Amino acid sequence: MEKILVSACLLGAKVRYHGGDANCDDPILRGWLNEGRLVAVCPEQEGGLPTPRPPAEIVGMGGGRAVLARAAFVRTAAGHDVTASLSQGADRALALVKQHHIRIAVLKDGSPSCGSSLIFDGSFSGLRVAGAGVTAALLEAQGVRVFNQGELASARDCLERVERTERTET
């Protein structure tokens, strides 16, 4: 059975920066949970950050890809650099991907780790820009298809294609 990496906060884990969750009560996600497909991760906790923690944003152009290339960094509003923690968390998420042979991920959009289409702009003004977080960028670079919580139907379609291809090849 194909496993899917998922942001733990989407499953109701209280791991977000403010100590809450982003529970996603979508029937697709619930179905995958009931089937035992989901592998939950919070890259920020995996990188050693506490919960709650100060909000962090990627500073510099290029989002998570630039962080991985060391051309941007992640900091809190107070200026504390948490780049190493987010990078370590991304590496741990990638280790789970490799361990479970995962090819699809559903991650919490807007996060400096998990955002796949939107992240905050680094000014701590509430502005969002197109871009990927550190974990999303690393997983995409490794060939994982990354979706956000609003793209569950597309993730389901991708899963069906992957499994159909596997049945055809075997």
N, C-alpha and C. Protein backbone atom coordinates (compact mmCIF):
# COMPACT_ATOMS: atom_id res chain seq x y z
N MET A 1 0.85 -1.18 0.00
CA MET A 1 0.00 0.00 0.00
C MET A 1 0.89 1.24 0.00
N GLU A 2 0.58 2.16 -0.88
CA GLU A 2 1.32 3.41 -0.99
C GLU A 2 1.06 4.27 0.25
N LYS A 3 2.14 4.72 0.89
CA LYS A 3 2.04 5.61 2.06
C LYS A 3 2.08 7.06 1.59
N ILE A 4 1.53 7.95 2.42
CA ILE A 4 1.48 9.38 2.13
C ILE A 4 2.01 10.13 3.35
N LEU A 5 2.97 11.00 3.14
CA LEU A 5 3.46 11.86 4.21
C LEU A 5 2.47 12.98 4.42
N VAL A 6 2.16 13.32 5.66
CA VAL A 6 1.19 14.37 5.94
C VAL A 6 1.67 15.21 7.12
N SER A 7 1.42 16.51 7.05
CA SER A 7 1.71 17.39 8.18
C SER A 7 0.87 16.95 9.37
N ALA A 8 1.53 16.73 10.50
CA ALA A 8 0.84 16.24 11.70
C ALA A 8 -0.27 17.19 12.14
N CYS A 9 -0.11 18.48 11.94
CA CYS A 9 -1.13 19.44 12.36
C CYS A 9 -2.45 19.24 11.62
N LEU A 10 -2.37 18.74 10.39
CA LEU A 10 -3.59 18.50 9.61
C LEU A 10 -4.40 17.34 10.18
N LEU A 11 -3.74 16.50 10.97
CA LEU A 11 -4.42 15.36 11.62
C LEU A 11 -4.86 15.70 13.04
N GLY A 12 -4.73 16.96 13.43
CA GLY A 12 -5.19 17.40 14.74
C GLY A 12 -4.12 17.48 15.80
N ALA A 13 -2.87 17.15 15.47
CA ALA A 13 -1.79 17.26 16.45
C ALA A 13 -1.53 18.74 16.74
N LYS A 14 -1.42 19.06 17.99
CA LYS A 14 -1.23 20.45 18.42
C LYS A 14 0.27 20.79 18.40
N VAL A 15 0.78 20.94 17.18
CA VAL A 15 2.21 21.15 16.97
C VAL A 15 2.54 22.46 16.26
N ARG A 16 1.53 23.25 15.93
CA ARG A 16 1.79 24.50 15.22
C ARG A 16 2.48 25.51 16.14
N TYR A 17 3.03 26.54 15.56
CA TYR A 17 3.81 27.52 16.32
C TYR A 17 3.04 28.09 17.50
N HIS A 18 1.71 28.24 17.38
CA HIS A 18 0.91 28.82 18.46
C HIS A 18 0.38 27.78 19.43
N GLY A 19 0.77 26.53 19.24
CA GLY A 19 0.34 25.45 20.13
C GLY A 19 -0.96 24.79 19.72
N GLY A 20 -1.52 25.21 18.61
CA GLY A 20 -2.76 24.62 18.12
C GLY A 20 -2.51 23.68 16.95
N ASP A 21 -3.62 23.33 16.28
CA ASP A 21 -3.53 22.45 15.13
C ASP A 21 -4.15 23.14 13.92
N ALA A 22 -4.21 22.43 12.82
CA ALA A 22 -4.88 22.89 11.60
C ALA A 22 -5.73 21.72 11.09
N ASN A 23 -6.43 21.08 12.03
CA ASN A 23 -7.17 19.86 11.73
C ASN A 23 -7.95 19.98 10.42
N CYS A 24 -7.76 19.01 9.57
CA CYS A 24 -8.43 18.96 8.27
C CYS A 24 -9.37 17.76 8.29
N ASP A 25 -10.65 18.05 8.34
CA ASP A 25 -11.65 16.99 8.47
C ASP A 25 -12.20 16.60 7.09
N ASP A 26 -11.32 16.47 6.13
CA ASP A 26 -11.74 16.10 4.78
C ASP A 26 -11.92 14.59 4.68
N PRO A 27 -12.96 14.12 4.00
CA PRO A 27 -13.19 12.68 3.89
C PRO A 27 -12.05 11.93 3.20
N ILE A 28 -11.35 12.57 2.28
CA ILE A 28 -10.22 11.91 1.62
C ILE A 28 -9.13 11.61 2.65
N LEU A 29 -8.78 12.62 3.44
CA LEU A 29 -7.74 12.45 4.46
C LEU A 29 -8.17 11.43 5.51
N ARG A 30 -9.42 11.50 5.94
CA ARG A 30 -9.94 10.52 6.92
C ARG A 30 -9.88 9.11 6.36
N GLY A 31 -10.22 8.95 5.09
CA GLY A 31 -10.17 7.64 4.46
C GLY A 31 -8.75 7.08 4.45
N TRP A 32 -7.79 7.92 4.09
CA TRP A 32 -6.39 7.47 4.09
C TRP A 32 -5.93 7.11 5.49
N LEU A 33 -6.38 7.89 6.48
CA LEU A 33 -6.03 7.59 7.86
C LEU A 33 -6.58 6.22 8.26
N ASN A 34 -7.83 5.97 7.94
CA ASN A 34 -8.47 4.69 8.26
C ASN A 34 -7.80 3.51 7.54
N GLU A 35 -7.26 3.76 6.36
CA GLU A 35 -6.56 2.71 5.60
C GLU A 35 -5.14 2.48 6.10
N GLY A 36 -4.65 3.34 6.99
CA GLY A 36 -3.29 3.20 7.50
C GLY A 36 -2.23 3.70 6.53
N ARG A 37 -2.59 4.60 5.64
CA ARG A 37 -1.65 5.12 4.63
C ARG A 37 -0.77 6.26 5.13
N LEU A 38 -1.20 6.96 6.16
CA LEU A 38 -0.57 8.23 6.51
C LEU A 38 0.63 8.07 7.44
N VAL A 39 1.67 8.82 7.13
CA VAL A 39 2.85 8.94 7.98
C VAL A 39 2.92 10.41 8.36
N ALA A 40 2.67 10.71 9.63
CA ALA A 40 2.60 12.09 10.10
C ALA A 40 3.98 12.61 10.50
N VAL A 41 4.18 13.90 10.23
CA VAL A 41 5.44 14.55 10.60
C VAL A 41 5.19 16.03 10.85
N CYS A 42 5.91 16.58 11.81
CA CYS A 42 6.00 18.03 11.98
C CYS A 42 7.48 18.36 11.84
N PRO A 43 7.90 18.84 10.68
CA PRO A 43 9.32 19.11 10.47
C PRO A 43 9.91 20.11 11.46
N GLU A 44 9.11 21.06 11.91
CA GLU A 44 9.65 22.05 12.84
C GLU A 44 9.96 21.41 14.19
N GLN A 45 9.09 20.52 14.66
CA GLN A 45 9.39 19.79 15.89
C GLN A 45 10.55 18.82 15.67
N GLU A 46 10.54 18.16 14.51
CA GLU A 46 11.64 17.22 14.19
C GLU A 46 12.98 17.94 14.15
N GLY A 47 12.96 19.23 13.84
CA GLY A 47 14.18 20.02 13.82
C GLY A 47 14.57 20.57 15.17
N GLY A 48 13.79 20.21 16.20
CA GLY A 48 14.14 20.59 17.56
C GLY A 48 13.46 21.84 18.09
N LEU A 49 12.55 22.43 17.32
CA LEU A 49 11.85 23.62 17.81
C LEU A 49 10.73 23.23 18.76
N PRO A 50 10.50 24.02 19.80
CA PRO A 50 9.44 23.71 20.77
C PRO A 50 8.07 24.11 20.26
N THR A 51 7.06 23.67 20.95
CA THR A 51 5.68 24.09 20.71
C THR A 51 5.13 24.54 22.06
N PRO A 52 4.61 25.76 22.15
CA PRO A 52 4.59 26.80 21.10
C PRO A 52 5.99 27.36 20.86
N ARG A 53 6.10 28.12 19.77
CA ARG A 53 7.36 28.74 19.39
C ARG A 53 7.05 30.04 18.65
N PRO A 54 7.99 30.94 18.59
CA PRO A 54 7.73 32.18 17.84
C PRO A 54 7.52 31.86 16.36
N PRO A 55 6.61 32.57 15.70
CA PRO A 55 6.46 32.35 14.26
C PRO A 55 7.75 32.69 13.52
N ALA A 56 7.98 31.96 12.44
CA ALA A 56 9.19 32.17 11.65
C ALA A 56 8.79 32.34 10.18
N GLU A 57 9.62 33.06 9.45
CA GLU A 57 9.39 33.27 8.02
C GLU A 57 10.70 33.18 7.27
N ILE A 58 10.61 32.80 6.01
CA ILE A 58 11.78 32.75 5.14
C ILE A 58 12.10 34.18 4.71
N VAL A 59 13.35 34.56 4.91
CA VAL A 59 13.81 35.90 4.56
C VAL A 59 14.75 35.78 3.36
N GLY A 60 14.41 36.47 2.30
CA GLY A 60 15.18 36.41 1.07
C GLY A 60 14.32 35.83 -0.04
N MET A 61 14.70 36.07 -1.24
CA MET A 61 13.95 35.61 -2.41
C MET A 61 14.20 34.12 -2.65
N GLY A 62 13.18 33.44 -3.16
CA GLY A 62 13.37 32.05 -3.58
C GLY A 62 12.81 30.99 -2.66
N GLY A 63 12.26 31.40 -1.52
CA GLY A 63 11.62 30.45 -0.63
C GLY A 63 12.53 29.33 -0.15
N GLY A 64 11.92 28.17 0.07
CA GLY A 64 12.65 27.03 0.62
C GLY A 64 13.80 26.57 -0.26
N ARG A 65 13.65 26.69 -1.57
CA ARG A 65 14.74 26.30 -2.47
C ARG A 65 15.98 27.15 -2.20
N ALA A 66 15.76 28.43 -1.97
CA ALA A 66 16.89 29.32 -1.68
C ALA A 66 17.49 29.01 -0.32
N VAL A 67 16.67 28.62 0.65
CA VAL A 67 17.20 28.23 1.96
C VAL A 67 18.10 27.00 1.79
N LEU A 68 17.63 26.02 1.02
CA LEU A 68 18.44 24.81 0.80
C LEU A 68 19.76 25.14 0.10
N ALA A 69 19.74 26.16 -0.74
CA ALA A 69 20.95 26.59 -1.46
C ALA A 69 21.78 27.58 -0.63
N ARG A 70 21.35 27.86 0.58
CA ARG A 70 22.00 28.81 1.49
C ARG A 70 22.02 30.24 0.95
N ALA A 71 20.99 30.56 0.16
CA ALA A 71 20.87 31.91 -0.39
C ALA A 71 19.79 32.71 0.34
N ALA A 72 19.08 32.07 1.27
CA ALA A 72 18.07 32.72 2.10
C ALA A 72 18.12 32.03 3.46
N PHE A 73 17.42 32.59 4.44
CA PHE A 73 17.42 31.99 5.77
C PHE A 73 16.03 32.13 6.38
N VAL A 74 15.85 31.46 7.52
CA VAL A 74 14.57 31.50 8.22
C VAL A 74 14.81 32.14 9.58
N ARG A 75 13.97 33.12 9.91
CA ARG A 75 14.16 33.80 11.20
C ARG A 75 12.81 34.09 11.84
N THR A 76 12.87 34.36 13.12
CA THR A 76 11.69 34.80 13.85
C THR A 76 11.60 36.32 13.74
N ALA A 77 10.47 36.88 14.18
CA ALA A 77 10.30 38.34 14.13
C ALA A 77 11.34 39.04 14.99
N ALA A 78 11.82 38.37 16.04
CA ALA A 78 12.84 38.95 16.90
C ALA A 78 14.24 38.82 16.30
N GLY A 79 14.34 38.16 15.14
CA GLY A 79 15.62 38.05 14.47
C GLY A 79 16.39 36.77 14.75
N HIS A 80 15.82 35.86 15.53
CA HIS A 80 16.51 34.59 15.84
C HIS A 80 16.53 33.70 14.60
N ASP A 81 17.70 33.25 14.21
CA ASP A 81 17.87 32.41 13.03
C ASP A 81 17.52 30.96 13.37
N VAL A 82 16.50 30.42 12.69
CA VAL A 82 16.08 29.03 12.90
C VAL A 82 16.27 28.20 11.63
N THR A 83 17.13 28.68 10.75
CA THR A 83 17.38 27.98 9.49
C THR A 83 17.85 26.56 9.73
N ALA A 84 18.80 26.36 10.63
CA ALA A 84 19.33 25.02 10.88
C ALA A 84 18.24 24.07 11.36
N SER A 85 17.35 24.56 12.21
CA SER A 85 16.27 23.71 12.71
C SER A 85 15.32 23.30 11.59
N LEU A 86 14.96 24.24 10.72
CA LEU A 86 14.06 23.89 9.62
C LEU A 86 14.74 22.97 8.62
N SER A 87 16.02 23.16 8.40
CA SER A 87 16.76 22.27 7.50
C SER A 87 16.85 20.86 8.08
N GLN A 88 17.12 20.77 9.38
CA GLN A 88 17.19 19.47 10.03
C GLN A 88 15.83 18.77 9.99
N GLY A 89 14.76 19.51 10.22
CA GLY A 89 13.42 18.94 10.15
C GLY A 89 13.10 18.43 8.75
N ALA A 90 13.51 19.17 7.73
CA ALA A 90 13.31 18.74 6.35
C ALA A 90 14.06 17.45 6.08
N ASP A 91 15.29 17.36 6.59
CA ASP A 91 16.07 16.13 6.41
C ASP A 91 15.39 14.94 7.08
N ARG A 92 14.80 15.17 8.24
CA ARG A 92 14.11 14.08 8.94
C ARG A 92 12.84 13.66 8.20
N ALA A 93 12.14 14.63 7.62
CA ALA A 93 10.97 14.30 6.80
C ALA A 93 11.41 13.48 5.59
N LEU A 94 12.51 13.85 4.98
CA LEU A 94 13.03 13.11 3.84
C LEU A 94 13.42 11.69 4.26
N ALA A 95 13.96 11.52 5.45
CA ALA A 95 14.30 10.18 5.93
C ALA A 95 13.04 9.32 6.03
N LEU A 96 11.93 9.89 6.49
CA LEU A 96 10.67 9.15 6.55
C LEU A 96 10.19 8.77 5.15
N VAL A 97 10.34 9.69 4.22
CA VAL A 97 9.97 9.44 2.82
C VAL A 97 10.74 8.22 2.30
N LYS A 98 12.04 8.20 2.55
CA LYS A 98 12.87 7.10 2.07
C LYS A 98 12.52 5.79 2.79
N GLN A 99 12.32 5.88 4.10
CA GLN A 99 12.00 4.70 4.89
C GLN A 99 10.71 4.02 4.41
N HIS A 100 9.70 4.83 4.08
CA HIS A 100 8.39 4.30 3.71
C HIS A 100 8.14 4.31 2.19
N HIS A 101 9.18 4.66 1.41
CA HIS A 101 9.06 4.70 -0.06
C HIS A 101 7.90 5.59 -0.50
N ILE A 102 7.81 6.76 0.13
CA ILE A 102 6.70 7.69 -0.11
C ILE A 102 6.96 8.51 -1.37
N ARG A 103 5.91 8.68 -2.16
CA ARG A 103 6.01 9.49 -3.39
C ARG A 103 5.03 10.65 -3.39
N ILE A 104 4.15 10.73 -2.38
CA ILE A 104 3.14 11.78 -2.30
C ILE A 104 3.12 12.34 -0.89
N ALA A 105 3.03 13.67 -0.78
CA ALA A 105 2.93 14.32 0.52
C ALA A 105 1.80 15.34 0.49
N VAL A 106 1.13 15.49 1.63
CA VAL A 106 0.13 16.54 1.81
C VAL A 106 0.61 17.37 3.01
N LEU A 107 0.99 18.61 2.72
CA LEU A 107 1.60 19.46 3.73
C LEU A 107 0.80 20.75 3.92
N LYS A 108 0.92 21.33 5.11
CA LYS A 108 0.18 22.53 5.51
C LYS A 108 0.72 23.76 4.78
N ASP A 109 -0.11 24.33 3.92
CA ASP A 109 0.31 25.50 3.16
C ASP A 109 0.49 26.71 4.09
N GLY A 110 1.40 27.60 3.71
CA GLY A 110 1.66 28.81 4.47
C GLY A 110 2.82 28.69 5.43
N SER A 111 3.20 27.49 5.75
CA SER A 111 4.27 27.24 6.71
C SER A 111 5.65 27.45 6.08
N PRO A 112 6.64 27.95 6.86
CA PRO A 112 7.99 28.07 6.31
C PRO A 112 8.64 26.71 6.08
N SER A 113 8.06 25.67 6.65
CA SER A 113 8.53 24.30 6.41
C SER A 113 7.69 23.63 5.33
N CYS A 114 6.40 23.60 5.55
CA CYS A 114 5.49 22.75 4.77
C CYS A 114 4.78 23.46 3.63
N GLY A 115 4.80 24.75 3.57
CA GLY A 115 4.08 25.45 2.51
C GLY A 115 4.49 24.93 1.14
N SER A 116 3.51 24.65 0.31
CA SER A 116 3.84 24.14 -1.03
C SER A 116 3.50 25.13 -2.13
N SER A 117 2.58 26.04 -1.87
CA SER A 117 2.25 27.04 -2.89
C SER A 117 2.33 28.46 -2.34
N LEU A 118 2.14 28.62 -1.04
CA LEU A 118 2.20 29.94 -0.41
C LEU A 118 3.05 29.91 0.86
N ILE A 119 3.84 30.96 1.03
CA ILE A 119 4.59 31.18 2.27
C ILE A 119 4.48 32.67 2.60
N PHE A 120 4.80 33.02 3.84
CA PHE A 120 4.82 34.43 4.20
C PHE A 120 6.07 35.07 3.60
N ASP A 121 6.02 36.37 3.35
CA ASP A 121 7.06 37.05 2.56
C ASP A 121 8.32 37.41 3.31
N GLY A 122 8.41 37.12 4.60
CA GLY A 122 9.63 37.40 5.36
C GLY A 122 9.63 38.74 6.05
N SER A 123 8.56 39.52 5.88
CA SER A 123 8.50 40.85 6.50
C SER A 123 7.69 40.86 7.79
N PHE A 124 7.07 39.73 8.12
CA PHE A 124 6.21 39.60 9.30
C PHE A 124 5.06 40.60 9.28
N SER A 125 4.59 40.89 8.07
CA SER A 125 3.48 41.82 7.89
C SER A 125 2.18 41.10 7.54
N GLY A 126 2.23 39.77 7.44
CA GLY A 126 1.04 39.00 7.08
C GLY A 126 0.89 38.78 5.59
N LEU A 127 1.80 39.31 4.80
CA LEU A 127 1.73 39.14 3.34
C LEU A 127 2.22 37.76 2.94
N ARG A 128 1.46 37.12 2.06
CA ARG A 128 1.86 35.80 1.54
C ARG A 128 2.29 35.96 0.09
N VAL A 129 3.25 35.12 -0.28
CA VAL A 129 3.75 35.12 -1.65
C VAL A 129 3.80 33.68 -2.15
N ALA A 130 3.82 33.52 -3.45
CA ALA A 130 3.98 32.18 -4.02
C ALA A 130 5.34 31.65 -3.64
N GLY A 131 5.37 30.39 -3.22
CA GLY A 131 6.64 29.78 -2.87
C GLY A 131 6.44 28.54 -2.04
N ALA A 132 7.52 27.81 -1.86
CA ALA A 132 7.52 26.57 -1.08
C ALA A 132 8.37 26.75 0.16
N GLY A 133 7.98 26.06 1.22
CA GLY A 133 8.77 26.02 2.44
C GLY A 133 9.96 25.09 2.27
N VAL A 134 10.77 25.00 3.32
CA VAL A 134 12.02 24.24 3.26
C VAL A 134 11.76 22.75 3.04
N THR A 135 10.86 22.16 3.81
CA THR A 135 10.57 20.72 3.66
C THR A 135 9.92 20.45 2.31
N ALA A 136 8.94 21.24 1.94
CA ALA A 136 8.28 21.04 0.65
C ALA A 136 9.28 21.12 -0.50
N ALA A 137 10.19 22.09 -0.44
CA ALA A 137 11.19 22.24 -1.50
C ALA A 137 12.13 21.04 -1.56
N LEU A 138 12.56 20.55 -0.41
CA LEU A 138 13.46 19.40 -0.38
C LEU A 138 12.76 18.15 -0.93
N LEU A 139 11.52 17.93 -0.51
CA LEU A 139 10.79 16.75 -0.99
C LEU A 139 10.56 16.83 -2.49
N GLU A 140 10.17 18.01 -2.98
CA GLU A 140 9.96 18.17 -4.42
C GLU A 140 11.25 17.91 -5.19
N ALA A 141 12.37 18.37 -4.66
CA ALA A 141 13.66 18.16 -5.32
C ALA A 141 14.02 16.67 -5.38
N GLN A 142 13.45 15.90 -4.48
CA GLN A 142 13.70 14.45 -4.44
C GLN A 142 12.63 13.67 -5.19
N GLY A 143 11.74 14.36 -5.90
CA GLY A 143 10.76 13.69 -6.73
C GLY A 143 9.43 13.38 -6.07
N VAL A 144 9.23 13.85 -4.85
CA VAL A 144 7.95 13.64 -4.16
C VAL A 144 6.96 14.66 -4.68
N ARG A 145 5.75 14.22 -4.99
CA ARG A 145 4.68 15.14 -5.39
C ARG A 145 4.09 15.73 -4.12
N VAL A 146 4.17 17.04 -3.96
CA VAL A 146 3.72 17.71 -2.76
C VAL A 146 2.43 18.48 -3.06
N PHE A 147 1.42 18.23 -2.22
CA PHE A 147 0.13 18.90 -2.31
C PHE A 147 -0.14 19.59 -0.99
N ASN A 148 -1.04 20.58 -0.99
CA ASN A 148 -1.45 21.20 0.27
C ASN A 148 -2.84 20.70 0.65
N GLN A 149 -3.32 21.14 1.79
CA GLN A 149 -4.59 20.65 2.32
C GLN A 149 -5.78 21.02 1.44
N GLY A 150 -5.64 21.98 0.58
CA GLY A 150 -6.71 22.35 -0.34
C GLY A 150 -6.66 21.58 -1.65
N GLU A 151 -5.69 20.72 -1.80
CA GLU A 151 -5.51 19.97 -3.04
C GLU A 151 -5.68 18.46 -2.85
N LEU A 152 -6.51 18.07 -1.88
CA LEU A 152 -6.65 16.65 -1.58
C LEU A 152 -7.23 15.85 -2.74
N ALA A 153 -8.15 16.42 -3.50
CA ALA A 153 -8.69 15.70 -4.66
C ALA A 153 -7.58 15.44 -5.68
N SER A 154 -6.71 16.39 -5.90
CA SER A 154 -5.59 16.20 -6.83
C SER A 154 -4.62 15.16 -6.28
N ALA A 155 -4.38 15.18 -4.97
CA ALA A 155 -3.51 14.18 -4.35
C ALA A 155 -4.12 12.78 -4.50
N ARG A 156 -5.42 12.67 -4.32
CA ARG A 156 -6.11 11.38 -4.50
C ARG A 156 -5.95 10.89 -5.93
N ASP A 157 -6.13 11.79 -6.90
CA ASP A 157 -5.98 11.41 -8.30
C ASP A 157 -4.54 10.95 -8.59
N CYS A 158 -3.58 11.63 -8.01
CA CYS A 158 -2.18 11.25 -8.19
C CYS A 158 -1.94 9.86 -7.59
N LEU A 159 -2.46 9.63 -6.40
CA LEU A 159 -2.32 8.33 -5.75
C LEU A 159 -2.91 7.22 -6.63
N GLU A 160 -4.08 7.47 -7.19
CA GLU A 160 -4.72 6.47 -8.06
C GLU A 160 -3.85 6.18 -9.29
N ARG A 161 -3.25 7.23 -9.87
CA ARG A 161 -2.36 7.02 -11.03
C ARG A 161 -1.13 6.20 -10.64
N VAL A 162 -0.54 6.53 -9.50
CA VAL A 162 0.65 5.81 -9.02
C VAL A 162 0.32 4.34 -8.81
N GLU A 163 -0.79 4.07 -8.14
CA GLU A 163 -1.15 2.69 -7.85
C GLU A 163 -1.56 1.94 -9.13
N ARG A 164 -2.20 2.61 -10.05
CA ARG A 164 -2.59 1.98 -11.32
C ARG A 164 -1.33 1.62 -12.11
N THR A 165 -0.35 2.52 -12.12
CA THR A 165 0.91 2.27 -12.83
C THR A 165 1.63 1.09 -12.20
N GLU A 166 1.64 1.01 -10.88
CA GLU A 166 2.29 -0.11 -10.19
C GLU A 166 1.64 -1.44 -10.56
N ARG A 167 0.31 -1.47 -10.60
CA ARG A 167 -0.41 -2.73 -10.95
C ARG A 167 -0.09 -3.13 -12.39
N THR A 168 0.04 -2.16 -13.27
CA THR A 168 0.33 -2.44 -14.67
C THR A 168 1.74 -2.99 -14.84
N GLU A 169 2.67 -2.47 -14.04
CA GLU A 169 4.08 -2.87 -14.16
C GLU A 169 4.36 -4.22 -13.52
N THR A 170 3.50 -4.68 -12.62
CA THR A 170 3.77 -5.95 -11.94
C THR A 170 3.04 -7.12 -12.52
